[in-house]
Amino acid sequence: MKKIRVKNFGPIKEGNKATDGWLDVPKVTVFIGNQGSGKSTVAKLISSFVWLEKNLTRGDVEAPISKDFFLDMLHFHRLEHYLQEDSQIEFEGDNFHLKYTPSSQSIEAFPKAVSAACTPKIMYVPAERNFLSSIENINKVSDLLIGSLKSYAVEFRNAQLANKDNSLLLPFNSTSITYDSKDNESYLQFGEKRLKLAHASSGFHSFVPLFWITKNLNDLLNQDEKRLLELLSTDQTIRRNNELKKLNQLAFSEEILREKEKNINAKYISQYLINIVEEPEQNLFPSSQKQMLYSLLNFNNRKKLNTLIITTHSPYLLLFLTLSVEAHRLKSKLNNNELLSQLNEIVPLQSTLDGKDLVVYQLYETTGEIEKLGNYKGLPSDDNDLNNGLASANDDFSKLLDLEDACG
């Protein structure tokens, strides 16, 4: 399991004091908190350090990582001004331990002894993504996009082209999406009605690219090794071929040779998806939020190493995650198809989540601290700021009724 340690970076001060700043990043990680508390800051740092580890593993970059290179990394997510004189950031990945300290002014990289390195495809879904769907021709503004939004736009285009002229059913409203290559337009289909995506509601602007990209990346990663190797850059292909050439000069048995070739290929091809989504609930009605979350969990469950990281302001998402965890617990107990079918109607069986694979962190904008929420039998704690906000509104309503009674 990956983990990251953040102190004195942007709004984050002591971070998770219970673990000297360390945060676990299991299969599903959720960050909640008020505006300015640092949810996206931590998510972007995770994205940056996973990317760096991947490129160190492939040999695309070499250690040590200079401060200027690190600042360029941070600039991609517009975080360069968050770096302070006493910032401390460490990342524990599968292949490297990475450490930035004020004294070093660089990132030290310590390789880990692993039999076969494995690298991910990383997708960062920014909160400002919605306007991409409202533009009829994204190519007209592509030169204006930077950082994670530009990468997101590229993946959106890749998803369109990979599924051109094919209808894709969305998980709510009995609606499908199609990219018409002749018109160079994406269309929603509601029964007999056809509507340009650019003309649709904001909820579709938010959800359609997220769903489309996530599905396309999962489909891409499920291709065979030969096809994935064809997608490598020229430099990566040359380095891989040089490694294979050196390997073939050594006196290994055929069985060992094939295993070592497999290990070399493994570090060059992306084998799983790290999907980092800011506010996936944007512009969605609660029932649509549920279907959206279950679709993301479904995709996340398709590969063992797939990872989903979410920042959210929605109490509904925590509720639906709780339902998913409870459904997972029940799934192992139900022993007949009828009961399993009933469970599937409540929570799709492919979208259930083992409580051990979920962690929820609450961030505080006033103190810069991060707290890992407790759980009961793997279920997220009800004692969190999102639920407390709902309780506070109920308390305020009770006070209004008391004032009404006082009026006689």
Protein backbone atom coordinates (compact mmCIF):
# COMPACT_ATOMS: atom_id res chain seq x y z
CA MET A 1 0.00 0.00 0.00
CA LYS A 2 1.24 3.46 -0.92
CA LYS A 3 1.45 6.23 1.67
CA ILE A 4 2.45 9.87 1.84
CA ARG A 5 3.70 12.19 4.57
CA VAL A 6 2.92 15.91 4.27
CA LYS A 7 3.87 18.71 6.67
CA ASN A 8 3.96 22.50 6.23
CA PHE A 9 2.85 22.54 2.62
CA GLY A 10 0.17 25.03 1.59
CA PRO A 11 -2.76 24.74 4.02
CA ILE A 12 -1.33 21.54 5.55
CA LYS A 13 0.62 22.15 8.76
CA GLU A 14 1.19 19.15 11.05
CA GLY A 15 -0.96 16.92 8.86
CA ASN A 16 -1.92 13.64 10.49
CA LYS A 17 -0.42 14.16 13.96
CA ALA A 18 -1.37 10.63 15.04
CA THR A 19 1.14 9.16 12.56
CA ASP A 20 3.72 11.96 12.30
CA GLY A 21 2.09 13.21 9.11
CA TRP A 22 1.74 9.87 7.29
CA LEU A 23 -1.42 9.06 5.31
CA ASP A 24 -2.23 5.59 3.98
CA VAL A 25 -3.48 5.38 0.39
CA PRO A 26 -5.36 2.07 0.08
CA LYS A 27 -7.64 0.93 -2.74
CA VAL A 28 -10.19 3.68 -1.99
CA THR A 29 -9.15 6.92 -0.24
CA VAL A 30 -11.54 9.79 0.49
CA PHE A 31 -10.70 13.34 1.61
CA ILE A 32 -13.40 15.55 3.15
CA GLY A 33 -13.16 19.04 4.62
CA ASN A 34 -14.08 22.68 4.18
CA GLN A 35 -12.83 24.89 1.36
CA GLY A 36 -9.15 25.65 1.79
CA SER A 37 -8.51 22.70 4.09
CA GLY A 38 -6.12 21.00 1.65
CA LYS A 39 -8.11 18.10 0.17
CA SER A 40 -7.02 18.78 -3.40
CA THR A 41 -3.53 19.72 -2.23
CA VAL A 42 -2.95 16.23 -0.81
CA ALA A 43 -4.60 14.54 -3.80
CA LYS A 44 -2.36 16.50 -6.20
CA LEU A 45 0.76 15.63 -4.21
CA ILE A 46 -0.15 11.95 -4.37
CA SER A 47 -0.62 12.28 -8.13
CA SER A 48 2.74 14.06 -8.49
CA PHE A 49 4.73 11.55 -6.47
CA VAL A 50 3.11 8.51 -8.09
CA TRP A 51 4.01 10.05 -11.46
CA LEU A 52 7.58 10.65 -10.31
CA GLU A 53 7.94 7.09 -9.02
CA LYS A 54 6.61 5.76 -12.31
CA ASN A 55 9.13 7.77 -14.33
CA LEU A 56 12.01 6.79 -12.06
CA THR A 57 11.01 3.14 -12.46
CA ARG A 58 10.97 3.40 -16.25
CA GLY A 59 14.16 5.45 -16.37
CA ASP A 60 12.42 8.49 -17.89
CA VAL A 61 14.04 10.61 -15.14
CA GLU A 62 17.03 10.02 -12.89
CA ALA A 63 17.64 10.70 -9.20
CA PRO A 64 18.33 12.88 -7.35
CA ILE A 65 15.48 15.16 -8.36
CA SER A 66 16.54 18.82 -8.27
CA LYS A 67 14.43 21.49 -6.64
CA ASP A 68 13.81 23.12 -10.05
CA PHE A 69 12.50 19.83 -11.44
CA PHE A 70 10.32 19.44 -8.33
CA LEU A 71 8.92 22.96 -8.80
CA ASP A 72 8.07 22.10 -12.41
CA MET A 73 6.23 19.02 -11.11
CA LEU A 74 4.28 21.18 -8.68
CA HIS A 75 3.54 23.75 -11.41
CA PHE A 76 1.61 21.09 -13.34
CA HIS A 77 -0.97 21.20 -10.52
CA ARG A 78 -0.36 24.88 -9.69
CA LEU A 79 1.14 24.03 -6.32
CA GLU A 80 4.59 25.61 -6.68
CA HIS A 81 3.71 28.53 -4.37
CA TYR A 82 2.64 26.10 -1.62
CA LEU A 83 6.22 24.98 -1.00
CA GLN A 84 7.59 26.50 2.22
CA GLU A 85 11.05 26.67 3.78
CA ASP A 86 10.08 23.97 6.29
CA SER A 87 8.00 21.75 3.97
CA GLN A 88 8.41 18.03 4.48
CA ILE A 89 7.08 15.53 1.96
CA GLU A 90 7.76 11.81 1.80
CA PHE A 91 6.22 9.17 -0.38
CA GLU A 92 6.38 5.43 0.12
CA GLY A 93 5.60 3.69 -3.15
CA ASP A 94 5.90 0.16 -4.43
CA ASN A 95 9.25 0.73 -6.15
CA PHE A 96 10.78 3.81 -4.49
CA HIS A 97 10.87 5.73 -1.23
CA LEU A 98 10.93 9.44 -2.13
CA LYS A 99 11.84 12.20 0.32
CA TYR A 100 11.89 15.99 0.09
CA THR A 101 13.32 17.93 3.03
CA PRO A 102 14.21 21.63 3.41
CA SER A 103 17.87 20.80 4.05
CA SER A 104 18.33 18.75 0.87
CA GLN A 105 16.49 21.18 -1.47
CA SER A 106 15.94 18.13 -3.68
CA ILE A 107 14.05 14.86 -3.72
CA GLU A 108 16.08 11.86 -2.70
CA ALA A 109 14.99 8.57 -4.27
CA PHE A 110 15.70 5.27 -2.58
CA PRO A 111 14.92 2.23 -4.78
CA LYS A 112 13.21 -0.72 -3.13
CA ALA A 113 14.13 -4.33 -3.70
CA VAL A 114 11.25 -5.73 -5.76
CA SER A 115 11.26 -8.79 -7.98
CA ALA A 116 9.12 -7.11 -10.64
CA ALA A 117 8.39 -3.39 -10.83
CA CYS A 118 4.82 -2.46 -11.73
CA THR A 119 3.72 0.97 -12.97
CA PRO A 120 0.27 2.61 -13.12
CA LYS A 121 -1.65 4.80 -15.50
CA ILE A 122 -2.45 7.98 -13.56
CA MET A 123 -5.58 10.03 -14.24
CA TYR A 124 -6.20 13.27 -12.38
CA VAL A 125 -9.74 14.60 -12.84
CA PRO A 126 -9.76 18.31 -11.88
CA ALA A 127 -12.73 20.14 -10.38
CA GLU A 128 -12.74 22.69 -13.21
CA ARG A 129 -13.40 19.97 -15.80
CA ASN A 130 -17.06 20.71 -16.54
CA PHE A 131 -16.61 23.43 -19.12
CA LEU A 132 -14.86 21.00 -21.49
CA SER A 133 -18.19 19.28 -22.16
CA SER A 134 -19.94 22.57 -22.83
CA ILE A 135 -17.60 23.43 -25.71
CA GLU A 136 -18.73 22.05 -29.07
CA ASN A 137 -15.20 21.84 -30.48
CA ILE A 138 -12.60 21.34 -27.76
CA ASN A 139 -9.80 21.65 -30.32
CA LYS A 140 -10.51 25.38 -30.56
CA VAL A 141 -9.39 25.98 -26.98
CA SER A 142 -6.89 23.15 -26.49
CA ASP A 143 -3.92 25.54 -26.69
CA LEU A 144 -5.33 27.49 -23.74
CA LEU A 145 -5.43 24.47 -21.44
CA ILE A 146 -2.58 23.64 -19.07
CA GLY A 147 -1.63 21.04 -16.48
CA SER A 148 -4.12 18.44 -15.31
CA LEU A 149 -6.99 20.01 -17.27
CA LYS A 150 -5.06 19.63 -20.53
CA SER A 151 -4.24 15.98 -19.71
CA TYR A 152 -7.89 15.40 -18.90
CA ALA A 153 -8.95 16.95 -22.22
CA VAL A 154 -6.50 14.68 -24.07
CA GLU A 155 -7.90 11.58 -22.35
CA PHE A 156 -11.44 12.75 -23.12
CA ARG A 157 -10.53 13.00 -26.78
CA ASN A 158 -8.87 9.57 -26.68
CA ALA A 159 -12.03 8.10 -25.16
CA GLN A 160 -14.17 9.64 -27.90
CA LEU A 161 -11.94 8.32 -30.68
CA ALA A 162 -11.61 4.87 -29.15
CA ASN A 163 -15.41 4.53 -29.05
CA LYS A 164 -16.36 6.50 -32.15
CA ASP A 165 -19.78 5.76 -33.61
CA ASN A 166 -20.51 3.27 -30.81
CA SER A 167 -23.24 3.85 -28.26
CA LEU A 168 -22.21 3.65 -24.60
CA LEU A 169 -24.93 3.21 -21.97
CA LEU A 170 -24.61 5.52 -18.97
CA PRO A 171 -25.53 4.23 -15.50
CA PHE A 172 -28.51 6.55 -14.98
CA ASN A 173 -31.53 8.07 -16.78
CA SER A 174 -31.49 5.24 -19.38
CA THR A 175 -29.22 7.50 -21.39
CA SER A 176 -26.39 6.63 -23.78
CA ILE A 177 -23.54 8.66 -25.26
CA THR A 178 -22.13 8.40 -28.78
CA TYR A 179 -19.28 10.20 -30.48
CA ASP A 180 -20.31 10.80 -34.09
CA SER A 181 -17.07 10.91 -36.08
CA LYS A 182 -18.75 12.47 -39.14
CA ASP A 183 -20.07 15.43 -37.13
CA ASN A 184 -17.14 15.47 -34.70
CA GLU A 185 -19.78 15.73 -31.96
CA SER A 186 -20.79 13.79 -28.87
CA TYR A 187 -24.52 13.08 -28.58
CA LEU A 188 -26.69 11.97 -25.69
CA GLN A 189 -29.54 9.65 -26.59
CA PHE A 190 -32.73 9.80 -24.44
CA GLY A 191 -35.08 7.28 -26.00
CA GLU A 192 -35.82 8.74 -29.43
CA LYS A 193 -34.35 12.13 -28.57
CA ARG A 194 -30.79 13.04 -29.54
CA LEU A 195 -28.99 15.98 -27.94
CA LYS A 196 -25.49 17.38 -28.28
CA LEU A 197 -23.52 16.90 -25.08
CA ALA A 198 -22.59 20.60 -25.21
CA HIS A 199 -26.32 21.43 -24.98
CA ALA A 200 -27.08 19.06 -22.11
CA SER A 201 -27.40 19.79 -18.39
CA SER A 202 -24.41 20.49 -16.16
CA GLY A 203 -24.73 17.07 -14.52
CA PHE A 204 -24.00 15.37 -17.83
CA HIS A 205 -21.13 17.80 -18.45
CA SER A 206 -19.65 16.65 -15.17
CA PHE A 207 -20.29 12.93 -15.42
CA VAL A 208 -20.02 11.88 -19.07
CA PRO A 209 -16.28 12.57 -19.57
CA LEU A 210 -15.48 11.10 -16.14
CA PHE A 211 -17.33 7.87 -16.95
CA TRP A 212 -16.07 7.71 -20.53
CA ILE A 213 -12.41 8.28 -19.63
CA THR A 214 -12.49 5.83 -16.71
CA LYS A 215 -14.02 3.12 -18.87
CA ASN A 216 -11.63 3.75 -21.75
CA LEU A 217 -8.53 3.62 -19.53
CA ASN A 218 -9.71 0.37 -17.94
CA ASP A 219 -10.35 -1.08 -21.40
CA LEU A 220 -6.91 0.10 -22.52
CA LEU A 221 -5.15 -1.52 -19.56
CA ASN A 222 -6.96 -4.79 -20.20
CA GLN A 223 -5.30 -5.16 -23.62
CA ASP A 224 -2.63 -7.78 -24.09
CA GLU A 225 1.03 -7.07 -23.41
CA LYS A 226 1.96 -6.80 -27.08
CA ARG A 227 -0.53 -4.00 -27.70
CA LEU A 228 0.54 -2.12 -24.54
CA LEU A 229 4.18 -2.29 -25.60
CA GLU A 230 3.23 -0.72 -28.93
CA LEU A 231 2.00 2.34 -27.01
CA LEU A 232 5.43 3.11 -25.51
CA SER A 233 7.28 6.24 -26.56
CA THR A 234 10.30 5.96 -28.85
CA ASP A 235 12.71 6.61 -25.96
CA GLN A 236 11.02 4.00 -23.78
CA THR A 237 11.10 1.45 -26.59
CA ILE A 238 14.83 2.05 -27.13
CA ARG A 239 15.59 1.65 -23.41
CA ARG A 240 13.48 -1.51 -23.21
CA ASN A 241 15.18 -3.00 -26.27
CA ASN A 242 18.62 -2.21 -24.81
CA GLU A 243 17.70 -3.96 -21.57
CA LEU A 244 16.46 -6.99 -23.47
CA LYS A 245 19.64 -7.04 -25.58
CA LYS A 246 21.85 -7.08 -22.48
CA LEU A 247 19.66 -9.75 -20.92
CA ASN A 248 19.97 -12.04 -23.93
CA GLN A 249 23.76 -11.88 -23.67
CA LEU A 250 23.63 -13.55 -20.26
CA ALA A 251 23.67 -17.30 -19.78
CA PHE A 252 20.22 -17.87 -18.30
CA SER A 253 18.01 -20.85 -18.85
CA GLU A 254 15.06 -20.34 -21.17
CA GLU A 255 12.63 -20.32 -18.24
CA ILE A 256 14.57 -17.69 -16.26
CA LEU A 257 15.15 -15.63 -19.41
CA ARG A 258 11.41 -15.47 -20.14
CA GLU A 259 10.70 -14.46 -16.52
CA LYS A 260 13.26 -11.66 -16.62
CA GLU A 261 11.88 -10.44 -19.96
CA LYS A 262 8.45 -10.34 -18.37
CA ASN A 263 9.82 -8.26 -15.48
CA ILE A 264 11.44 -5.79 -17.87
CA ASN A 265 8.18 -5.39 -19.81
CA ALA A 266 6.24 -4.94 -16.56
CA LYS A 267 8.03 -1.74 -15.61
CA TYR A 268 7.41 -0.14 -19.01
CA ILE A 269 3.72 -0.89 -19.53
CA SER A 270 1.03 0.57 -17.28
CA GLN A 271 -0.84 -2.30 -15.67
CA TYR A 272 -3.37 -0.60 -13.39
CA LEU A 273 -5.20 2.71 -12.95
CA ILE A 274 -4.85 5.32 -10.23
CA ASN A 275 -7.98 7.44 -10.68
CA ILE A 276 -7.92 10.70 -8.68
CA VAL A 277 -11.23 12.57 -8.88
CA GLU A 278 -11.98 15.98 -7.43
CA GLU A 279 -15.60 16.36 -6.35
CA PRO A 280 -17.12 13.60 -8.49
CA GLU A 281 -20.57 14.64 -7.22
CA GLN A 282 -20.50 17.96 -9.10
CA ASN A 283 -23.96 18.99 -10.39
CA LEU A 284 -25.46 15.55 -9.69
CA PHE A 285 -28.72 14.75 -7.91
CA PRO A 286 -28.23 12.36 -4.94
CA SER A 287 -29.55 9.31 -6.80
CA SER A 288 -27.20 10.11 -9.68
CA GLN A 289 -24.34 10.55 -7.23
CA LYS A 290 -25.03 7.00 -6.09
CA GLN A 291 -24.94 5.55 -9.59
CA MET A 292 -21.83 7.60 -10.38
CA LEU A 293 -20.01 6.30 -7.30
CA TYR A 294 -21.03 2.69 -7.91
CA SER A 295 -19.75 2.94 -11.49
CA LEU A 296 -16.37 4.23 -10.26
CA LEU A 297 -16.18 1.45 -7.68
CA ASN A 298 -17.06 -1.09 -10.37
CA PHE A 299 -14.18 0.11 -12.56
CA ASN A 300 -11.88 0.24 -9.54
CA ASN A 301 -12.65 -3.40 -8.72
CA ARG A 302 -11.64 -4.66 -12.16
CA LYS A 303 -7.95 -4.86 -11.26
CA LYS A 304 -6.45 -5.70 -7.90
CA LEU A 305 -4.08 -2.72 -7.88
CA ASN A 306 -6.56 -0.15 -9.23
CA THR A 307 -6.84 2.79 -6.84
CA LEU A 308 -9.59 5.40 -6.46
CA ILE A 309 -8.91 8.69 -4.66
CA ILE A 310 -11.77 11.15 -4.12
CA THR A 311 -12.13 14.64 -2.68
CA THR A 312 -15.73 15.46 -1.80
CA HIS A 313 -18.17 17.80 -0.08
CA SER A 314 -21.05 15.34 -0.37
CA PRO A 315 -22.47 13.54 2.69
CA TYR A 316 -24.27 11.26 0.23
CA LEU A 317 -21.01 9.79 -1.07
CA LEU A 318 -20.02 8.76 2.46
CA LEU A 319 -23.44 7.18 2.91
CA PHE A 320 -23.17 5.25 -0.35
CA LEU A 321 -19.63 4.12 0.52
CA THR A 322 -21.04 2.81 3.81
CA LEU A 323 -23.70 0.90 1.87
CA SER A 324 -21.01 -0.54 -0.41
CA VAL A 325 -18.95 -1.76 2.56
CA GLU A 326 -21.97 -3.30 4.28
CA ALA A 327 -23.03 -4.96 1.02
CA HIS A 328 -19.56 -6.49 0.71
CA ARG A 329 -19.87 -7.96 4.19
CA LEU A 330 -23.30 -9.40 3.38
CA LYS A 331 -22.20 -10.76 0.01
CA SER A 332 -19.95 -13.34 1.65
CA LYS A 333 -22.79 -14.51 3.92
CA LEU A 334 -25.59 -14.92 1.39
CA ASN A 335 -25.68 -18.42 -0.04
CA ASN A 336 -28.48 -18.41 -2.58
CA ASN A 337 -29.00 -16.61 -5.87
CA GLU A 338 -32.31 -15.03 -4.91
CA LEU A 339 -30.80 -13.21 -1.93
CA LEU A 340 -27.77 -12.20 -3.96
CA SER A 341 -30.08 -10.83 -6.63
CA GLN A 342 -31.89 -8.76 -3.99
CA LEU A 343 -28.57 -7.46 -2.72
CA ASN A 344 -27.54 -6.56 -6.27
CA GLU A 345 -30.68 -4.42 -6.60
CA ILE A 346 -29.53 -2.37 -3.60
CA VAL A 347 -25.79 -2.26 -4.29
CA PRO A 348 -24.39 -3.78 -7.50
CA LEU A 349 -22.29 -6.78 -6.55
CA GLN A 350 -19.39 -5.52 -8.70
CA SER A 351 -19.40 -2.25 -6.74
CA THR A 352 -19.04 -3.58 -3.21
CA LEU A 353 -16.00 -2.59 -1.16
CA ASP A 354 -14.08 -4.37 1.57
CA GLY A 355 -13.92 -2.04 4.57
CA LYS A 356 -10.21 -2.82 4.93
CA ASP A 357 -9.66 -1.19 1.53
CA LEU A 358 -11.27 2.14 2.50
CA VAL A 359 -9.92 5.09 4.46
CA VAL A 360 -11.58 8.49 5.00
CA TYR A 361 -9.56 11.53 6.05
CA GLN A 362 -11.05 14.73 7.41
CA LEU A 363 -9.04 17.94 6.92
CA TYR A 364 -9.32 21.10 9.03
CA GLU A 365 -8.76 24.50 7.43
CA THR A 366 -8.18 26.32 10.74
CA THR A 367 -5.43 24.08 12.13
CA GLY A 368 -3.97 22.48 9.01
CA GLU A 369 -4.45 19.07 10.58
CA ILE A 370 -5.66 15.83 9.01
CA GLU A 371 -7.61 13.20 10.93
CA LYS A 372 -8.22 9.63 9.89
CA LEU A 373 -11.87 8.87 10.64
CA GLY A 374 -12.56 5.86 12.78
CA ASN A 375 -14.80 3.05 11.67
CA TYR A 376 -17.00 0.33 13.07
CA LYS A 377 -16.64 -3.05 11.39
CA GLY A 378 -15.12 -1.25 8.44
CA LEU A 379 -17.98 1.25 8.11
CA PRO A 380 -16.97 4.95 7.96
CA SER A 381 -17.69 6.91 11.14
CA ASP A 382 -20.92 8.94 11.24
CA ASP A 383 -19.06 11.53 13.31
CA ASN A 384 -17.70 13.69 10.50
CA ASP A 385 -18.14 17.27 9.37
CA LEU A 386 -20.43 16.37 6.46
CA ASN A 387 -22.94 14.54 8.66
CA ASN A 388 -22.49 17.07 11.44
CA GLY A 389 -23.41 19.81 8.98
CA LEU A 390 -26.73 18.10 8.33
CA ALA A 391 -27.30 17.68 12.07
CA SER A 392 -26.52 21.36 12.60
CA ALA A 393 -29.14 22.36 10.03
CA ASN A 394 -31.71 20.22 11.88
CA ASP A 395 -30.74 21.93 15.14
CA ASP A 396 -31.20 25.34 13.53
CA PHE A 397 -34.66 24.32 12.33
CA SER A 398 -35.58 23.22 15.85
CA LYS A 399 -34.49 26.63 17.14
CA LEU A 400 -36.71 28.31 14.55
CA LEU A 401 -39.66 26.23 15.78
CA ASP A 402 -38.85 27.23 19.36
CA LEU A 403 -38.90 30.90 18.30
CA GLU A 404 -42.27 30.34 16.62
CA ASP A 405 -43.64 28.84 19.85
CA ALA A 406 -42.28 31.82 21.81
CA CYS A 407 -44.33 34.15 19.60
CA GLY A 408 -47.45 32.57 21.04
